[in-house]
């Protein structure tokens, strides 16, 4: 039996990643898992801290201490590095893996979209040093993408120390009960993003308004009241208009959300700032063509002409043209959607990727035990 501690940052898509990881880890009978979830709504000393890195780091350090009082941990898994930078004592005494979707410097590059600003030079240098030391103390690193792996070189991390393992989705749960085939009716475009502006929802709305509604009979039923529909899943309030459907209370991984993926024809996320949105993998698993932007690691899943198309952020007419092409050509939609499904099965299967993580942790734990015996 391996005793592993998991510390999972509770922010944005990392929450869903944590849920998926819990489900997959429970399937391995050789692992006794202990979980910690640093949250913004913290208690104690962490509640007084306005900085997320410090707040999450203080909680993580306390949670690892509590785990260690309960059992002798064989290995630790931190996701993301935000939770690890203040736990360097634990990184040095327990074999550990740090997982990340982006380095701090890469996040700074996307900062404008996240309303995040870099600090003064002295503070940025101290932040770099803390992260560099955490990465150095960890036995191994896991990145969600090749883009994030490349960014680790700025922290003096050798490529051999990094394994790329995307977060993944539960393929069985996100696959349609029946294969996709052409059906007459409105062509449905789906957008999923809590922050409508950052995720490009306003750009998509304007592109939607410019679409040609007189689409070929082979692509949609001309008898439909709105031959093209836009379905927005977001926390942002949006005014109603013809052909627009708004969902402000949809929950991640819910049956209602999955059904919306199954019923839609095109997934569109013209985001201004993201690392590797899990919604793209969910849409691929549901067999939809993917439309997004050439931002961060997104080209690793949205491959032009294979799984979908990329457009520059904020370019309304280019987005409209790509959507119109997919709307007018149902065979193209089906072909790209099938290729997206195959890519997700091969690279973004949550259970398979979780097992890769567990195999890595077991290897590190075994190596740590051997080193202890040799001492």
Protein backbone atom coordinates (compact mmCIF):
# COMPACT_ATOMS: atom_id res chain seq x y z
CA UNK A 1 0.00 0.00 0.00
CA UNK A 2 1.31 3.42 -1.00
CA UNK A 3 0.33 6.40 1.16
CA UNK A 4 0.19 9.55 -0.97
CA UNK A 5 -0.71 13.10 -0.03
CA UNK A 6 -2.44 15.24 -2.67
CA UNK A 7 -2.62 19.05 -2.35
CA UNK A 8 -4.87 20.53 -5.07
CA UNK A 9 -5.29 24.27 -5.63
CA UNK A 10 -8.96 25.28 -5.57
CA UNK A 11 -9.17 27.91 -8.30
CA UNK A 12 -10.61 28.01 -11.81
CA UNK A 13 -10.27 24.72 -13.74
CA UNK A 14 -8.06 23.19 -11.04
CA UNK A 15 -11.22 22.44 -9.04
CA UNK A 16 -12.57 20.18 -11.78
CA UNK A 17 -9.12 18.61 -12.18
CA UNK A 18 -9.14 17.78 -8.48
CA UNK A 19 -12.58 16.14 -8.70
CA UNK A 20 -11.50 14.04 -11.68
CA UNK A 21 -8.27 13.05 -9.95
CA UNK A 22 -10.09 11.96 -6.79
CA UNK A 23 -12.36 9.73 -8.86
CA UNK A 24 -9.47 8.12 -10.74
CA UNK A 25 -7.14 7.66 -7.76
CA UNK A 26 -9.91 5.83 -5.89
CA UNK A 27 -9.83 3.14 -8.59
CA UNK A 28 -6.29 2.05 -7.61
CA UNK A 29 -6.53 -0.33 -4.60
CA UNK A 30 -2.81 -0.02 -3.92
CA UNK A 31 -3.07 3.70 -3.04
CA UNK A 32 -4.20 5.22 0.25
CA UNK A 33 -4.89 8.84 -0.68
CA UNK A 34 -4.95 11.83 1.67
CA UNK A 35 -6.35 15.06 0.25
CA UNK A 36 -5.85 18.74 0.95
CA UNK A 37 -7.66 21.56 -0.85
CA UNK A 38 -6.38 25.10 -0.26
CA UNK A 39 -9.27 27.52 -0.82
CA UNK A 40 -9.71 31.28 -0.91
CA UNK A 41 -12.29 31.03 1.89
CA UNK A 42 -9.68 29.93 4.42
CA UNK A 43 -9.64 30.06 8.20
CA UNK A 44 -6.95 30.91 10.76
CA UNK A 45 -3.85 32.84 9.73
CA UNK A 46 -4.44 32.19 6.01
CA UNK A 47 -7.76 34.03 6.21
CA UNK A 48 -5.92 37.27 6.97
CA UNK A 49 -3.69 37.08 3.90
CA UNK A 50 -4.87 38.83 0.68
CA UNK A 51 -2.23 37.22 -1.57
CA UNK A 52 -3.38 33.91 -3.10
CA UNK A 53 0.09 32.32 -3.25
CA UNK A 54 0.71 32.99 0.44
CA UNK A 55 -2.84 32.05 1.41
CA UNK A 56 -2.70 28.75 -0.51
CA UNK A 57 0.87 28.05 0.62
CA UNK A 58 0.05 28.46 4.32
CA UNK A 59 -2.93 26.13 3.99
CA UNK A 60 -0.93 23.55 2.05
CA UNK A 61 1.83 23.52 4.65
CA UNK A 62 -0.70 22.97 7.44
CA UNK A 63 -2.55 20.27 5.50
CA UNK A 64 0.65 18.31 4.83
CA UNK A 65 1.54 18.56 8.53
CA UNK A 66 -1.87 17.12 9.45
CA UNK A 67 -1.44 14.27 6.95
CA UNK A 68 2.01 13.50 8.35
CA UNK A 69 0.61 13.28 11.87
CA UNK A 70 -1.92 10.71 10.64
CA UNK A 71 0.48 8.51 8.64
CA UNK A 72 3.96 8.24 7.19
CA UNK A 73 3.54 9.55 3.66
CA UNK A 74 5.44 7.82 0.87
CA UNK A 75 5.12 10.74 -1.55
CA UNK A 76 3.46 14.13 -2.02
CA UNK A 77 1.72 15.59 -5.07
CA UNK A 78 1.25 19.37 -5.30
CA UNK A 79 -0.95 20.99 -7.94
CA UNK A 80 -0.13 23.74 -8.73
CA UNK A 81 3.27 25.17 -7.74
CA UNK A 82 1.29 27.89 -5.93
CA UNK A 83 0.58 25.36 -3.18
CA UNK A 84 4.21 24.18 -2.97
CA UNK A 85 6.41 27.27 -2.68
CA UNK A 86 5.95 27.59 1.12
CA UNK A 87 6.29 23.82 1.72
CA UNK A 88 9.95 23.43 0.85
CA UNK A 89 10.65 21.66 4.14
CA UNK A 90 8.19 18.95 3.10
CA UNK A 91 9.54 18.88 -0.45
CA UNK A 92 12.99 18.05 0.94
CA UNK A 93 11.94 15.38 3.44
CA UNK A 94 9.15 13.60 1.49
CA UNK A 95 9.58 12.57 -2.17
CA UNK A 96 7.38 15.04 -4.05
CA UNK A 97 5.98 15.89 -7.45
CA UNK A 98 4.88 19.40 -8.44
CA UNK A 99 2.28 19.69 -11.20
CA UNK A 100 1.50 22.89 -13.09
CA UNK A 101 -0.47 24.26 -16.01
CA UNK A 102 1.81 27.30 -16.44
CA UNK A 103 4.90 28.75 -14.85
CA UNK A 104 4.57 32.03 -12.95
CA UNK A 105 6.33 33.87 -15.79
CA UNK A 106 3.97 32.37 -18.35
CA UNK A 107 1.06 33.41 -16.18
CA UNK A 108 2.51 36.93 -16.08
CA UNK A 109 2.54 36.93 -19.89
CA UNK A 110 -1.19 36.16 -19.82
CA UNK A 111 -1.69 38.52 -16.90
CA UNK A 112 -3.67 41.25 -18.66
CA UNK A 113 -6.46 38.80 -19.45
CA UNK A 114 -6.57 37.64 -15.81
CA UNK A 115 -6.41 41.21 -14.45
CA UNK A 116 -3.03 40.27 -13.03
CA UNK A 117 -0.06 42.63 -12.92
CA UNK A 118 3.58 41.88 -12.25
CA UNK A 119 5.14 43.42 -9.16
CA UNK A 120 8.33 45.46 -8.81
CA UNK A 121 11.58 43.86 -9.97
CA UNK A 122 12.78 42.94 -6.46
CA UNK A 123 9.51 41.15 -5.72
CA UNK A 124 9.49 39.32 -9.06
CA UNK A 125 13.07 38.18 -8.44
CA UNK A 126 12.10 36.85 -5.01
CA UNK A 127 9.09 35.09 -6.52
CA UNK A 128 11.34 33.54 -9.17
CA UNK A 129 13.79 32.34 -6.52
CA UNK A 130 11.04 30.74 -4.39
CA UNK A 131 9.64 28.88 -7.40
CA UNK A 132 13.10 27.89 -8.66
CA UNK A 133 13.93 26.43 -5.23
CA UNK A 134 10.62 24.55 -5.05
CA UNK A 135 11.13 23.08 -8.51
CA UNK A 136 14.67 22.11 -7.53
CA UNK A 137 13.56 20.43 -4.29
CA UNK A 138 10.83 18.38 -5.97
CA UNK A 139 11.87 14.93 -7.23
CA UNK A 140 9.95 15.41 -10.49
CA UNK A 141 7.64 17.88 -12.25
CA UNK A 142 4.49 17.29 -14.26
CA UNK A 143 3.29 19.87 -16.80
CA UNK A 144 -0.13 19.93 -18.44
CA UNK A 145 1.42 20.78 -21.82
CA UNK A 146 4.62 21.00 -23.82
CA UNK A 147 4.20 24.79 -23.68
CA UNK A 148 4.39 24.72 -19.87
CA UNK A 149 7.32 22.29 -19.97
CA UNK A 150 9.25 24.66 -22.22
CA UNK A 151 8.57 27.51 -19.78
CA UNK A 152 10.27 25.62 -16.94
CA UNK A 153 13.67 26.12 -18.55
CA UNK A 154 13.50 29.72 -17.26
CA UNK A 155 13.65 28.22 -13.73
CA UNK A 156 16.79 26.15 -14.39
CA UNK A 157 14.79 22.92 -14.74
CA UNK A 158 16.20 20.31 -17.11
CA UNK A 159 13.72 18.76 -19.59
CA UNK A 160 14.50 15.27 -18.21
CA UNK A 161 12.91 16.26 -14.91
CA UNK A 162 9.55 17.10 -16.51
CA UNK A 163 6.82 14.75 -17.78
CA UNK A 164 3.92 16.13 -19.82
CA UNK A 165 0.61 14.70 -18.55
CA UNK A 166 -2.55 16.66 -19.53
CA UNK A 167 -5.36 16.77 -16.95
CA UNK A 168 -7.85 14.80 -19.05
CA UNK A 169 -11.56 14.07 -18.92
CA UNK A 170 -13.60 10.98 -18.20
CA UNK A 171 -14.06 9.75 -21.77
CA UNK A 172 -17.00 7.45 -21.01
CA UNK A 173 -18.95 10.22 -19.27
CA UNK A 174 -18.29 12.86 -21.95
CA UNK A 175 -18.85 10.67 -25.02
CA UNK A 176 -22.25 10.80 -26.71
CA UNK A 177 -24.41 7.71 -26.19
CA UNK A 178 -24.78 7.53 -29.99
CA UNK A 179 -22.18 8.47 -32.64
CA UNK A 180 -22.65 11.86 -34.26
CA UNK A 181 -24.44 11.94 -37.59
CA UNK A 182 -26.14 14.61 -39.66
CA UNK A 183 -29.55 15.64 -38.33
CA UNK A 184 -31.74 18.40 -39.73
CA UNK A 185 -32.35 21.24 -37.31
CA UNK A 186 -30.63 24.35 -35.98
CA UNK A 187 -26.83 24.34 -35.96
CA UNK A 188 -25.87 24.84 -32.31
CA UNK A 189 -22.69 26.67 -31.26
CA UNK A 190 -21.64 26.09 -27.64
CA UNK A 191 -19.51 28.36 -25.45
CA UNK A 192 -18.50 27.47 -21.87
CA UNK A 193 -16.67 30.08 -19.81
CA UNK A 194 -17.50 31.59 -16.43
CA UNK A 195 -15.74 34.88 -17.30
CA UNK A 196 -17.48 35.88 -20.53
CA UNK A 197 -15.08 38.71 -21.40
CA UNK A 198 -11.78 36.89 -20.75
CA UNK A 199 -12.98 33.76 -22.52
CA UNK A 200 -13.95 35.75 -25.62
CA UNK A 201 -17.70 35.42 -25.19
CA UNK A 202 -18.37 39.01 -26.24
CA UNK A 203 -16.32 38.47 -29.41
CA UNK A 204 -18.35 35.32 -30.13
CA UNK A 205 -21.61 37.18 -29.58
CA UNK A 206 -20.69 39.78 -32.18
CA UNK A 207 -19.51 37.11 -34.63
CA UNK A 208 -22.80 35.27 -34.09
CA UNK A 209 -24.77 38.40 -34.97
CA UNK A 210 -22.86 38.68 -38.28
CA UNK A 211 -23.46 35.07 -39.39
CA UNK A 212 -25.48 34.45 -42.52
CA UNK A 213 -28.74 32.86 -41.36
CA UNK A 214 -29.60 31.74 -44.92
CA UNK A 215 -27.55 28.57 -44.69
CA UNK A 216 -27.86 25.67 -47.15
CA UNK A 217 -30.73 23.24 -46.66
CA UNK A 218 -28.19 20.43 -46.37
CA UNK A 219 -26.67 22.08 -43.29
CA UNK A 220 -29.81 22.89 -41.31
CA UNK A 221 -33.58 22.80 -41.42
CA UNK A 222 -34.79 26.00 -43.07
CA UNK A 223 -38.07 25.62 -41.21
CA UNK A 224 -36.35 26.25 -37.88
CA UNK A 225 -37.21 29.56 -36.22
CA UNK A 226 -33.45 30.19 -35.74
CA UNK A 227 -31.35 28.06 -38.11
CA UNK A 228 -28.27 28.97 -36.02
CA UNK A 229 -28.27 28.96 -32.22
CA UNK A 230 -25.66 30.16 -29.74
CA UNK A 231 -25.64 28.52 -26.30
CA UNK A 232 -23.65 30.41 -23.64
CA UNK A 233 -22.71 28.73 -20.35
CA UNK A 234 -21.33 31.55 -18.20
CA UNK A 235 -21.60 33.31 -14.84
CA UNK A 236 -21.88 36.66 -16.61
CA UNK A 237 -25.32 38.22 -17.14
CA UNK A 238 -26.20 38.52 -20.85
CA UNK A 239 -29.20 40.23 -22.42
CA UNK A 240 -31.49 37.89 -24.40
CA UNK A 241 -31.77 38.08 -28.18
CA UNK A 242 -33.10 35.81 -30.96
CA UNK A 243 -31.25 32.50 -31.26
CA UNK A 244 -29.33 33.05 -28.01
CA UNK A 245 -29.64 30.65 -25.06
CA UNK A 246 -28.05 31.58 -21.72
CA UNK A 247 -27.18 29.28 -18.79
CA UNK A 248 -25.96 31.07 -15.65
CA UNK A 249 -26.27 28.23 -13.13
CA UNK A 250 -24.82 25.21 -14.94
CA UNK A 251 -22.53 23.12 -12.72
CA UNK A 252 -19.24 21.47 -13.87
CA UNK A 253 -19.56 17.78 -14.77
CA UNK A 254 -23.36 17.92 -14.29
CA UNK A 255 -25.65 15.73 -16.44
CA UNK A 256 -27.30 18.89 -17.78
CA UNK A 257 -23.96 20.29 -18.96
CA UNK A 258 -22.94 17.02 -20.60
CA UNK A 259 -26.27 16.84 -22.43
CA UNK A 260 -25.68 20.35 -23.74
CA UNK A 261 -22.32 19.19 -25.14
CA UNK A 262 -24.00 16.15 -26.73
CA UNK A 263 -26.72 18.29 -28.34
CA UNK A 264 -24.40 20.98 -29.75
CA UNK A 265 -22.59 20.94 -33.10
CA UNK A 266 -19.62 23.32 -32.71
CA UNK A 267 -17.59 24.25 -29.64
CA UNK A 268 -16.22 27.79 -29.68
CA UNK A 269 -13.93 29.36 -27.07
CA UNK A 270 -12.23 32.44 -28.60
CA UNK A 271 -10.35 33.15 -25.38
CA UNK A 272 -7.96 36.02 -24.72
CA UNK A 273 -6.17 34.24 -21.87
CA UNK A 274 -6.02 30.55 -20.94
CA UNK A 275 -3.38 27.89 -20.43
CA UNK A 276 -5.16 24.69 -21.50
CA UNK A 277 -8.93 24.93 -20.91
CA UNK A 278 -10.43 21.61 -19.84
CA UNK A 279 -13.63 22.51 -21.69
CA UNK A 280 -11.79 21.90 -24.97
CA UNK A 281 -11.02 18.31 -23.98
CA UNK A 282 -14.63 17.83 -22.85
CA UNK A 283 -15.87 19.14 -26.21
CA UNK A 284 -13.46 16.87 -28.05
CA UNK A 285 -14.68 13.88 -26.06
CA UNK A 286 -18.22 14.83 -27.08
CA UNK A 287 -17.12 14.74 -30.74
CA UNK A 288 -17.37 18.44 -31.58
CA UNK A 289 -15.05 20.45 -33.84
CA UNK A 290 -13.07 22.94 -31.75
CA UNK A 291 -12.71 26.65 -32.49
CA UNK A 292 -10.38 28.67 -30.27
CA UNK A 293 -7.35 31.00 -30.30
CA UNK A 294 -3.61 30.56 -30.65
CA UNK A 295 -3.00 31.19 -26.96
CA UNK A 296 -0.58 29.30 -24.66
CA UNK A 297 -1.05 25.50 -25.01
CA UNK A 298 -4.37 25.60 -26.90
CA UNK A 299 -2.73 24.65 -30.26
CA UNK A 300 -1.77 21.32 -28.66
CA UNK A 301 -5.43 20.27 -28.71
CA UNK A 302 -6.97 22.57 -31.36
CA UNK A 303 -5.02 21.53 -34.45
CA UNK A 304 -6.02 23.54 -37.55
CA UNK A 305 -7.71 21.42 -40.20
CA UNK A 306 -7.57 18.33 -37.98
CA UNK A 307 -9.53 18.90 -34.77
CA UNK A 308 -10.78 22.41 -35.52
CA UNK A 309 -9.53 25.93 -36.23
CA UNK A 310 -7.58 28.70 -34.52
CA UNK A 311 -8.26 32.41 -34.92
CA UNK A 312 -6.40 35.41 -33.48
CA UNK A 313 -7.93 36.71 -30.22
CA UNK A 314 -10.47 39.48 -30.74
CA UNK A 315 -10.76 39.09 -34.53
CA UNK A 316 -14.54 39.06 -35.01
CA UNK A 317 -14.68 38.68 -38.80
CA UNK A 318 -12.12 35.86 -38.86
CA UNK A 319 -14.09 34.04 -36.17
CA UNK A 320 -17.31 34.60 -38.11
CA UNK A 321 -15.77 33.17 -41.28
CA UNK A 322 -14.55 30.01 -39.53
CA UNK A 323 -17.93 29.47 -37.88
CA UNK A 324 -19.75 30.07 -41.16
CA UNK A 325 -17.60 27.47 -42.89
CA UNK A 326 -18.44 24.88 -40.24
CA UNK A 327 -22.12 25.82 -40.24
CA UNK A 328 -22.37 25.45 -44.01
CA UNK A 329 -20.52 22.12 -44.12
CA UNK A 330 -21.93 19.37 -41.86
CA UNK A 331 -19.53 16.77 -43.28
CA UNK A 332 -16.59 18.94 -42.23
CA UNK A 333 -18.07 19.29 -38.74
CA UNK A 334 -18.40 15.53 -38.38
CA UNK A 335 -14.89 14.86 -39.69
CA UNK A 336 -13.17 17.39 -37.42
CA UNK A 337 -15.29 16.27 -34.46
CA UNK A 338 -14.26 12.64 -34.98
CA UNK A 339 -10.59 13.64 -35.13
CA UNK A 340 -11.03 15.68 -31.93
CA UNK A 341 -12.55 12.64 -30.24
CA UNK A 342 -9.64 10.42 -31.27
CA UNK A 343 -7.08 12.98 -30.06
CA UNK A 344 -8.78 13.29 -26.68
CA UNK A 345 -8.95 9.51 -26.32
CA UNK A 346 -5.23 9.25 -27.08
CA UNK A 347 -3.91 12.15 -24.99
CA UNK A 348 -6.57 13.44 -22.58
CA UNK A 349 -8.11 10.33 -20.99
CA UNK A 350 -8.43 11.25 -17.28
CA UNK A 351 -8.21 7.70 -15.91
CA UNK A 352 -5.22 6.77 -18.07
CA UNK A 353 -3.41 10.01 -17.26
CA UNK A 354 -4.19 9.66 -13.54
CA UNK A 355 -2.63 6.20 -13.65
CA UNK A 356 0.45 7.72 -15.28
CA UNK A 357 0.62 10.15 -12.35
CA UNK A 358 0.25 7.33 -9.83
CA UNK A 359 2.92 5.25 -11.57
CA UNK A 360 5.25 8.25 -11.39
CA UNK A 361 4.50 8.77 -7.68
CA UNK A 362 5.06 5.06 -6.97
CA UNK A 363 8.39 5.18 -8.80
CA UNK A 364 9.47 8.22 -6.80
CA UNK A 365 8.30 6.64 -3.52
CA UNK A 366 10.16 3.40 -4.28
CA UNK A 367 13.30 5.33 -5.13
CA UNK A 368 12.96 7.29 -1.89
CA UNK A 369 12.64 4.10 0.15
CA UNK A 370 15.77 2.66 -1.49
CA UNK A 371 17.72 5.83 -0.73
CA UNK A 372 16.57 5.68 2.91
CA UNK A 373 17.72 2.05 3.24
CA UNK A 374 21.10 2.88 1.70
CA UNK A 375 21.60 5.64 4.25
